[in-house]
Amino acid sequence: MGRKRLITDSYPVVKRREGPAGHSKGELAPELGEEPQPLSVDEAELELLRQFDLAWQYGPCTGITRLQRWHRAEQMGLEPPPEVRQVLQTHPGDPRFQYSLWHVYPL
């Protein structure tokens, strides 16, 4: 009997070339002096609401608005974050703020 065949016996070995300083082709080097852009007020508020949507301790968020979910969690004694209610009350007619992440998906 011969030696045991390996999967690598079927494919040629291809060595990848590296660029200068060990960087591979797909990596982007960060620009010097470039800092990440701070989030705008709306983006920061929307991120807070997304985190509220993903927090399962306040119950399901499908089929109701974020404010309804906040009130339900408060009535159940789950202590939802007051900042969420403040953000929702400052944007009463904006669907980006009122509906959860899952609103665009049918039930």
Protein backbone atom coordinates (compact mmCIF):
# COMPACT_ATOMS: atom_id res chain seq x y z
CA MET A 1 0.00 0.00 0.00
CA GLY A 2 1.12 3.53 -0.74
CA ARG A 3 1.08 6.57 1.39
CA LYS A 4 -2.18 8.15 2.54
CA ARG A 5 -3.43 10.80 0.10
CA LEU A 6 -4.03 14.34 1.32
CA ILE A 7 -6.41 16.93 -0.07
CA THR A 8 -3.42 19.12 -0.84
CA ASP A 9 -2.13 16.48 -3.26
CA SER A 10 -4.93 17.44 -5.67
CA TYR A 11 -4.31 21.18 -5.71
CA PRO A 12 -1.14 23.08 -6.54
CA VAL A 13 0.43 25.19 -3.81
CA VAL A 14 0.07 28.88 -4.58
CA LYS A 15 2.10 31.30 -2.53
CA ARG A 16 0.67 34.76 -2.08
CA ARG A 17 2.89 37.74 -2.50
CA GLU A 18 2.90 40.37 0.17
CA GLY A 19 3.30 44.05 -0.44
CA PRO A 20 5.74 46.32 1.39
CA ALA A 21 5.92 46.08 5.19
CA GLY A 22 3.94 42.83 5.28
CA HIS A 23 0.61 44.33 4.17
CA SER A 24 -1.55 42.08 2.11
CA LYS A 25 -3.29 43.37 -0.99
CA GLY A 26 -6.77 43.69 0.55
CA GLU A 27 -5.82 45.70 3.63
CA LEU A 28 -6.13 49.45 3.75
CA ALA A 29 -3.73 51.37 5.91
CA PRO A 30 -5.29 54.03 8.11
CA GLU A 31 -4.54 57.59 7.06
CA LEU A 32 -2.30 59.47 9.45
CA GLY A 33 -4.08 62.15 11.43
CA GLU A 34 -7.50 60.91 10.32
CA GLU A 35 -9.94 60.36 13.16
CA PRO A 36 -13.32 58.66 12.91
CA GLN A 37 -16.13 61.11 12.26
CA PRO A 38 -18.36 61.69 15.27
CA LEU A 39 -21.99 60.71 14.82
CA SER A 40 -24.50 63.47 14.18
CA VAL A 41 -27.20 64.00 16.79
CA ASP A 42 -29.80 62.15 14.69
CA GLU A 43 -27.43 59.24 14.05
CA ALA A 44 -26.60 58.97 17.76
CA GLU A 45 -30.30 59.01 18.66
CA LEU A 46 -31.11 56.37 16.02
CA GLU A 47 -28.29 54.19 17.37
CA LEU A 48 -29.78 54.49 20.87
CA LEU A 49 -33.16 53.38 19.46
CA ARG A 50 -31.56 50.46 17.59
CA GLN A 51 -29.99 49.30 20.83
CA PHE A 52 -33.42 49.55 22.49
CA ASP A 53 -34.88 47.41 19.67
CA LEU A 54 -32.22 44.74 20.20
CA ALA A 55 -32.64 44.63 23.99
CA TRP A 56 -34.88 41.61 24.54
CA GLN A 57 -35.45 42.32 28.22
CA TYR A 58 -38.14 44.88 27.21
CA GLY A 59 -40.18 42.32 25.29
CA PRO A 60 -40.85 41.84 21.57
CA CYS A 61 -40.81 44.89 19.32
CA THR A 62 -42.66 43.63 16.25
CA GLY A 63 -46.12 44.94 15.47
CA ILE A 64 -45.95 47.97 17.78
CA THR A 65 -44.19 51.31 17.78
CA ARG A 66 -41.15 51.96 19.93
CA LEU A 67 -43.15 54.26 22.21
CA GLN A 68 -45.82 51.59 22.73
CA ARG A 69 -43.08 49.11 23.58
CA TRP A 70 -41.50 51.59 25.98
CA HIS A 71 -44.84 52.15 27.77
CA ARG A 72 -45.53 48.40 27.93
CA ALA A 73 -42.10 47.76 29.45
CA GLU A 74 -42.67 50.54 31.98
CA GLN A 75 -46.06 49.11 32.98
CA MET A 76 -44.44 45.71 33.49
CA GLY A 77 -41.80 47.24 35.78
CA LEU A 78 -38.89 46.56 33.40
CA GLU A 79 -37.45 50.09 33.74
CA PRO A 80 -36.81 51.03 30.09
CA PRO A 81 -34.26 53.82 29.54
CA PRO A 82 -35.82 57.30 29.95
CA GLU A 83 -33.54 58.62 27.17
CA VAL A 84 -35.43 56.45 24.67
CA ARG A 85 -38.74 58.06 25.62
CA GLN A 86 -37.22 61.54 25.35
CA VAL A 87 -35.90 60.82 21.84
CA LEU A 88 -39.24 59.36 20.75
CA GLN A 89 -41.14 62.39 22.03
CA THR A 90 -38.84 64.82 20.19
CA HIS A 91 -39.53 63.10 16.82
CA PRO A 92 -43.27 62.30 16.94
CA GLY A 93 -43.96 62.16 13.19
CA ASP A 94 -40.74 60.65 11.87
CA PRO A 95 -41.14 56.94 11.03
CA ARG A 96 -37.36 56.42 11.28
CA PHE A 97 -37.68 57.12 14.98
CA GLN A 98 -41.12 55.70 15.74
CA TYR A 99 -40.88 52.22 14.22
CA SER A 100 -38.49 49.44 15.18
CA LEU A 101 -35.77 47.90 13.02
CA TRP A 102 -38.13 45.10 12.03
CA HIS A 103 -40.98 47.36 10.83
CA VAL A 104 -40.06 46.98 7.15
CA TYR A 105 -40.38 43.19 7.31
CA PRO A 106 -43.88 41.68 7.08
CA LEU A 107 -45.09 39.63 10.02
